[in-house]
Amino acid sequence: MRSLGVDSAVVRVRNLLRPLSNDGHARRFLRISVDDAPGIAVAAPLQAMLIEADFARTAFPPRHPPAEPLPCTVSDLTALLKPVTLPAERLLSLLVNTCTRDLAYDSPGGPWNPETARSVFERVLSTLGPRTLWWSNNDFSYAEEWTADGLPDAYASTTVTGYVLDRVLLGSGAGVLLTILAFADD
């Protein structure tokens, strides 16, 4: 039996992110999933996103076949995820940037402006708690500097979608598994 605290944390995060996850325009470049963490593989919600009927693994036919096949299984996806160890304020800025800016052109996108997203993600991070573990398909250890709006000057990335750019941010804390997938072609 699940504790009331975990259930309420999942419901709270879902309610906070519902306007973003249900926005039809945003779904063209952003997917969000909020799940009960206990007993679920960390990459399972990501895999579910990638096999949704309305998600094309790439927007355009590739000009060249990929060097390696795209990861398809939960094990493949889990293997490519890297731990994210960023200070809380930097993580907050990265979440805001990921959900409000186009990855390819750094132009505004989605239903929220950065101020609204920051307020919502402050509450999400508070709900998840300071011991939340984070992973990404982007390796931010290459970054030497970060812009004020949450962009690293350098990072390595392993694609999960087939789009030119994609960013997965997975957070597990307070019994909640939060999955954010942003993607774009240039």
C-alpha atoms as a PDB file:
ATOM      1  CA  MET A   1       0.000   0.000   0.000  1.00  0.00           C
ATOM      2  CA  ARG A   2       1.336   3.424  -0.951  1.00  0.00           C
ATOM      3  CA  SER A   3       1.671   6.126   1.620  1.00  0.00           C
ATOM      4  CA  LEU A   4      -0.560   9.162   1.412  1.00  0.00           C
ATOM      5  CA  GLY A   5       2.543  11.388   1.211  1.00  0.00           C
ATOM      6  CA  VAL A   6       3.793   9.756  -2.002  1.00  0.00           C
ATOM      7  CA  ASP A   7       0.361   9.874  -3.605  1.00  0.00           C
ATOM      8  CA  SER A   8      -0.061  13.520  -2.708  1.00  0.00           C
ATOM      9  CA  ALA A   9       3.433  14.378  -4.018  1.00  0.00           C
ATOM     10  CA  VAL A  10       2.629  12.710  -7.368  1.00  0.00           C
ATOM     11  CA  VAL A  11      -0.725  14.502  -7.564  1.00  0.00           C
ATOM     12  CA  ARG A  12       0.845  17.838  -6.622  1.00  0.00           C
ATOM     13  CA  VAL A  13       3.567  17.602  -9.297  1.00  0.00           C
ATOM     14  CA  ARG A  14       1.060  16.417 -11.913  1.00  0.00           C
ATOM     15  CA  ASN A  15      -1.229  19.343 -11.119  1.00  0.00           C
ATOM     16  CA  LEU A  16       1.625  21.839 -11.244  1.00  0.00           C
ATOM     17  CA  LEU A  17       2.818  20.589 -14.650  1.00  0.00           C
ATOM     18  CA  ARG A  18      -0.578  19.787 -16.215  1.00  0.00           C
ATOM     19  CA  PRO A  19      -0.845  23.069 -18.198  1.00  0.00           C
ATOM     20  CA  LEU A  20       2.554  22.386 -19.738  1.00  0.00           C
ATOM     21  CA  SER A  21       2.071  18.676 -20.407  1.00  0.00           C
ATOM     22  CA  ASN A  22      -1.416  19.095 -21.908  1.00  0.00           C
ATOM     23  CA  ASP A  23      -0.628  22.024 -24.202  1.00  0.00           C
ATOM     24  CA  GLY A  24      -1.068  20.901 -27.823  1.00  0.00           C
ATOM     25  CA  HIS A  25       1.540  23.299 -29.200  1.00  0.00           C
ATOM     26  CA  ALA A  26       4.124  22.334 -26.581  1.00  0.00           C
ATOM     27  CA  ARG A  27       3.660  18.614 -27.366  1.00  0.00           C
ATOM     28  CA  ARG A  28       5.347  19.301 -30.711  1.00  0.00           C
ATOM     29  CA  PHE A  29       8.653  19.824 -28.864  1.00  0.00           C
ATOM     30  CA  LEU A  30       8.105  18.736 -25.249  1.00  0.00           C
ATOM     31  CA  ARG A  31       6.720  15.724 -23.378  1.00  0.00           C
ATOM     32  CA  ILE A  32       6.298  15.401 -19.613  1.00  0.00           C
ATOM     33  CA  SER A  33       5.405  12.410 -17.480  1.00  0.00           C
ATOM     34  CA  VAL A  34       4.852  12.274 -13.721  1.00  0.00           C
ATOM     35  CA  ASP A  35       4.749   8.770 -12.259  1.00  0.00           C
ATOM     36  CA  ASP A  36       4.840   6.905  -8.974  1.00  0.00           C
ATOM     37  CA  ALA A  37       8.538   6.073  -8.536  1.00  0.00           C
ATOM     38  CA  PRO A  38       8.413   2.906  -6.383  1.00  0.00           C
ATOM     39  CA  GLY A  39       8.949  -0.217  -8.465  1.00  0.00           C
ATOM     40  CA  ILE A  40       9.293   1.563 -11.803  1.00  0.00           C
ATOM     41  CA  ALA A  41      12.501   1.542 -13.861  1.00  0.00           C
ATOM     42  CA  VAL A  42      13.827   5.083 -14.152  1.00  0.00           C
ATOM     43  CA  ALA A  43      13.693   5.042 -17.989  1.00  0.00           C
ATOM     44  CA  ALA A  44      10.297   3.298 -18.313  1.00  0.00           C
ATOM     45  CA  PRO A  45       8.261   6.522 -18.702  1.00  0.00           C
ATOM     46  CA  LEU A  46      10.788   7.780 -21.262  1.00  0.00           C
ATOM     47  CA  GLN A  47      10.399   4.612 -23.306  1.00  0.00           C
ATOM     48  CA  ALA A  48       6.602   4.974 -23.108  1.00  0.00           C
ATOM     49  CA  MET A  49       6.901   8.526 -24.500  1.00  0.00           C
ATOM     50  CA  LEU A  50       9.054   7.361 -27.394  1.00  0.00           C
ATOM     51  CA  ILE A  51       6.564   4.696 -28.497  1.00  0.00           C
ATOM     52  CA  GLU A  52       3.440   6.876 -28.253  1.00  0.00           C
ATOM     53  CA  ALA A  53       1.489   6.791 -31.503  1.00  0.00           C
ATOM     54  CA  ASP A  54       1.734  10.572 -31.968  1.00  0.00           C
ATOM     55  CA  PHE A  55       5.511  10.734 -31.417  1.00  0.00           C
ATOM     56  CA  ALA A  56       7.668  10.484 -34.534  1.00  0.00           C
ATOM     57  CA  ARG A  57      11.223   9.454 -33.657  1.00  0.00           C
ATOM     58  CA  THR A  58      12.415  12.144 -36.065  1.00  0.00           C
ATOM     59  CA  ALA A  59      10.683  15.062 -37.724  1.00  0.00           C
ATOM     60  CA  PHE A  60      12.443  14.656 -41.071  1.00  0.00           C
ATOM     61  CA  PRO A  61      13.851  11.661 -42.950  1.00  0.00           C
ATOM     62  CA  PRO A  62      17.521  11.385 -41.987  1.00  0.00           C
ATOM     63  CA  ARG A  63      20.030  12.517 -44.605  1.00  0.00           C
ATOM     64  CA  HIS A  64      22.400   9.813 -43.441  1.00  0.00           C
ATOM     65  CA  PRO A  65      21.538   6.640 -41.566  1.00  0.00           C
ATOM     66  CA  PRO A  66      22.455   6.919 -37.876  1.00  0.00           C
ATOM     67  CA  ALA A  67      25.799   5.394 -36.930  1.00  0.00           C
ATOM     68  CA  GLU A  68      24.057   3.401 -34.222  1.00  0.00           C
ATOM     69  CA  PRO A  69      20.413   2.452 -33.875  1.00  0.00           C
ATOM     70  CA  LEU A  70      18.310   4.593 -31.577  1.00  0.00           C
ATOM     71  CA  PRO A  71      17.869   3.183 -28.083  1.00  0.00           C
ATOM     72  CA  CYS A  72      14.518   1.393 -27.856  1.00  0.00           C
ATOM     73  CA  THR A  73      14.433  -0.666 -24.680  1.00  0.00           C
ATOM     74  CA  VAL A  74      14.288   0.509 -21.094  1.00  0.00           C
ATOM     75  CA  SER A  75      17.742  -1.062 -20.598  1.00  0.00           C
ATOM     76  CA  ASP A  76      19.193   0.801 -23.605  1.00  0.00           C
ATOM     77  CA  LEU A  77      17.752   4.103 -22.388  1.00  0.00           C
ATOM     78  CA  THR A  78      18.880   3.559 -18.798  1.00  0.00           C
ATOM     79  CA  ALA A  79      22.422   2.774 -19.970  1.00  0.00           C
ATOM     80  CA  LEU A  80      22.838   6.108 -21.731  1.00  0.00           C
ATOM     81  CA  LEU A  81      21.576   8.277 -18.864  1.00  0.00           C
ATOM     82  CA  LYS A  82      24.188  10.239 -16.923  1.00  0.00           C
ATOM     83  CA  PRO A  83      23.788  11.517 -13.363  1.00  0.00           C
ATOM     84  CA  VAL A  84      23.135  15.248 -13.154  1.00  0.00           C
ATOM     85  CA  THR A  85      24.816  16.917 -10.199  1.00  0.00           C
ATOM     86  CA  LEU A  86      24.099  20.606 -10.420  1.00  0.00           C
ATOM     87  CA  PRO A  87      23.508  23.181  -7.699  1.00  0.00           C
ATOM     88  CA  ALA A  88      19.787  23.707  -7.078  1.00  0.00           C
ATOM     89  CA  GLU A  89      19.628  27.138  -8.729  1.00  0.00           C
ATOM     90  CA  ARG A  90      21.410  25.895 -11.860  1.00  0.00           C
ATOM     91  CA  LEU A  91      19.116  22.850 -12.075  1.00  0.00           C
ATOM     92  CA  LEU A  92      16.096  25.138 -11.713  1.00  0.00           C
ATOM     93  CA  SER A  93      17.355  27.356 -14.549  1.00  0.00           C
ATOM     94  CA  LEU A  94      18.018  24.304 -16.741  1.00  0.00           C
ATOM     95  CA  LEU A  95      14.474  22.987 -16.156  1.00  0.00           C
ATOM     96  CA  VAL A  96      12.990  26.400 -16.971  1.00  0.00           C
ATOM     97  CA  ASN A  97      15.096  26.746 -20.105  1.00  0.00           C
ATOM     98  CA  THR A  98      14.294  23.210 -21.280  1.00  0.00           C
ATOM     99  CA  CYS A  99      10.555  23.817 -20.970  1.00  0.00           C
ATOM    100  CA  THR A 100      10.337  27.372 -22.335  1.00  0.00           C
ATOM    101  CA  ARG A 101      12.932  27.574 -25.148  1.00  0.00           C
ATOM    102  CA  ASP A 102      13.363  25.797 -28.476  1.00  0.00           C
ATOM    103  CA  LEU A 103      16.502  23.651 -28.208  1.00  0.00           C
ATOM    104  CA  ALA A 104      17.601  24.378 -31.780  1.00  0.00           C
ATOM    105  CA  TYR A 105      17.015  28.109 -32.055  1.00  0.00           C
ATOM    106  CA  ASP A 106      16.793  29.215 -28.404  1.00  0.00           C
ATOM    107  CA  SER A 107      13.522  30.971 -29.242  1.00  0.00           C
ATOM    108  CA  PRO A 108      10.516  31.095 -26.893  1.00  0.00           C
ATOM    109  CA  GLY A 109       8.256  28.066 -26.939  1.00  0.00           C
ATOM    110  CA  GLY A 110       5.423  26.565 -24.962  1.00  0.00           C
ATOM    111  CA  PRO A 111       2.584  28.081 -22.997  1.00  0.00           C
ATOM    112  CA  TRP A 112       4.727  29.523 -20.187  1.00  0.00           C
ATOM    113  CA  ASN A 113       7.161  32.395 -20.047  1.00  0.00           C
ATOM    114  CA  PRO A 114      10.334  31.861 -17.981  1.00  0.00           C
ATOM    115  CA  GLU A 115       8.923  33.675 -14.925  1.00  0.00           C
ATOM    116  CA  THR A 116       5.839  31.436 -14.779  1.00  0.00           C
ATOM    117  CA  ALA A 117       7.930  28.300 -15.391  1.00  0.00           C
ATOM    118  CA  ARG A 118      10.418  29.312 -12.686  1.00  0.00           C
ATOM    119  CA  SER A 119       7.635  29.723 -10.130  1.00  0.00           C
ATOM    120  CA  VAL A 120       6.132  26.338 -11.027  1.00  0.00           C
ATOM    121  CA  PHE A 121       9.465  24.496 -11.059  1.00  0.00           C
ATOM    122  CA  GLU A 122      10.439  26.025  -7.694  1.00  0.00           C
ATOM    123  CA  ARG A 123       7.316  24.332  -6.290  1.00  0.00           C
ATOM    124  CA  VAL A 124       8.072  21.094  -8.177  1.00  0.00           C
ATOM    125  CA  LEU A 125      11.631  20.983  -6.810  1.00  0.00           C
ATOM    126  CA  SER A 126      10.359  21.781  -3.312  1.00  0.00           C
ATOM    127  CA  THR A 127       7.890  18.886  -3.562  1.00  0.00           C
ATOM    128  CA  LEU A 128      10.548  16.468  -4.843  1.00  0.00           C
ATOM    129  CA  GLY A 129      12.966  17.527  -2.122  1.00  0.00           C
ATOM    130  CA  PRO A 130      16.725  18.190  -1.950  1.00  0.00           C
ATOM    131  CA  ARG A 131      17.654  14.487  -2.105  1.00  0.00           C
ATOM    132  CA  THR A 132      16.141  14.048  -5.559  1.00  0.00           C
ATOM    133  CA  LEU A 133      18.385  12.157  -7.971  1.00  0.00           C
ATOM    134  CA  TRP A 134      18.587  13.511 -11.530  1.00  0.00           C
ATOM    135  CA  TRP A 135      19.724  11.961 -14.818  1.00  0.00           C
ATOM    136  CA  SER A 136      19.993  13.173 -18.396  1.00  0.00           C
ATOM    137  CA  ASN A 137      21.097  12.066 -21.845  1.00  0.00           C
ATOM    138  CA  ASN A 138      23.139  15.287 -21.816  1.00  0.00           C
ATOM    139  CA  ASP A 139      26.472  15.237 -19.993  1.00  0.00           C
ATOM    140  CA  PHE A 140      26.803  18.658 -18.376  1.00  0.00           C
ATOM    141  CA  SER A 141      30.238  17.962 -16.878  1.00  0.00           C
ATOM    142  CA  TYR A 142      31.781  19.648 -19.950  1.00  0.00           C
ATOM    143  CA  ALA A 143      30.237  23.007 -19.040  1.00  0.00           C
ATOM    144  CA  GLU A 144      32.626  25.623 -17.738  1.00  0.00           C
ATOM    145  CA  GLU A 145      30.109  28.470 -17.724  1.00  0.00           C
ATOM    146  CA  TRP A 146      26.333  28.782 -17.668  1.00  0.00           C
ATOM    147  CA  THR A 147      24.203  31.612 -19.003  1.00  0.00           C
ATOM    148  CA  ALA A 148      21.800  33.378 -16.662  1.00  0.00           C
ATOM    149  CA  ASP A 149      18.881  31.655 -18.399  1.00  0.00           C
ATOM    150  CA  GLY A 150      20.147  28.136 -17.811  1.00  0.00           C
ATOM    151  CA  LEU A 151      22.261  27.178 -20.840  1.00  0.00           C
ATOM    152  CA  PRO A 152      25.653  25.513 -20.460  1.00  0.00           C
ATOM    153  CA  ASP A 153      28.452  26.665 -22.757  1.00  0.00           C
ATOM    154  CA  ALA A 154      29.195  23.019 -23.663  1.00  0.00           C
ATOM    155  CA  TYR A 155      27.757  19.559 -23.133  1.00  0.00           C
ATOM    156  CA  ALA A 156      27.818  16.141 -24.767  1.00  0.00           C
ATOM    157  CA  SER A 157      24.609  14.447 -25.809  1.00  0.00           C
ATOM    158  CA  THR A 158      23.427  11.006 -26.849  1.00  0.00           C
ATOM    159  CA  THR A 159      20.219  11.207 -28.847  1.00  0.00           C
ATOM    160  CA  VAL A 160      17.199   9.219 -27.766  1.00  0.00           C
ATOM    161  CA  THR A 161      14.713  10.565 -30.306  1.00  0.00           C
ATOM    162  CA  GLY A 162      16.430  10.813 -33.677  1.00  0.00           C
ATOM    163  CA  TYR A 163      15.904  14.580 -33.694  1.00  0.00           C
ATOM    164  CA  VAL A 164      18.994  16.754 -34.131  1.00  0.00           C
ATOM    165  CA  LEU A 165      18.694  17.930 -30.521  1.00  0.00           C
ATOM    166  CA  ASP A 166      17.011  16.343 -27.553  1.00  0.00           C
ATOM    167  CA  ARG A 167      17.261  16.641 -23.796  1.00  0.00           C
ATOM    168  CA  VAL A 168      15.930  14.233 -21.222  1.00  0.00           C
ATOM    169  CA  LEU A 169      15.748  15.303 -17.589  1.00  0.00           C
ATOM    170  CA  LEU A 170      14.657  12.597 -15.139  1.00  0.00           C
ATOM    171  CA  GLY A 171      14.195  13.328 -11.457  1.00  0.00           C
ATOM    172  CA  SER A 172      13.325  10.804  -8.756  1.00  0.00           C
ATOM    173  CA  GLY A 173      12.418  12.049  -5.299  1.00  0.00           C
ATOM    174  CA  ALA A 174       9.607  11.923  -2.720  1.00  0.00           C
ATOM    175  CA  GLY A 175       8.178   8.846  -4.469  1.00  0.00           C
ATOM    176  CA  VAL A 176       7.804  10.775  -7.741  1.00  0.00           C
ATOM    177  CA  LEU A 177       9.507  10.066 -11.072  1.00  0.00           C
ATOM    178  CA  LEU A 178       9.482  13.169 -13.266  1.00  0.00           C
ATOM    179  CA  THR A 179      10.427  12.729 -16.931  1.00  0.00           C
ATOM    180  CA  ILE A 180      10.908  15.713 -19.236  1.00  0.00           C
ATOM    181  CA  LEU A 181      11.764  15.195 -22.902  1.00  0.00           C
ATOM    182  CA  ALA A 182      12.487  18.193 -25.121  1.00  0.00           C
ATOM    183  CA  PHE A 183      13.367  17.751 -28.803  1.00  0.00           C
ATOM    184  CA  ALA A 184      14.012  19.888 -31.893  1.00  0.00           C
ATOM    185  CA  ASP A 185      15.391  19.866 -35.419  1.00  0.00           C
ATOM    186  CA  ASP A 186      17.217  22.744 -37.008  1.00  0.00           C
END
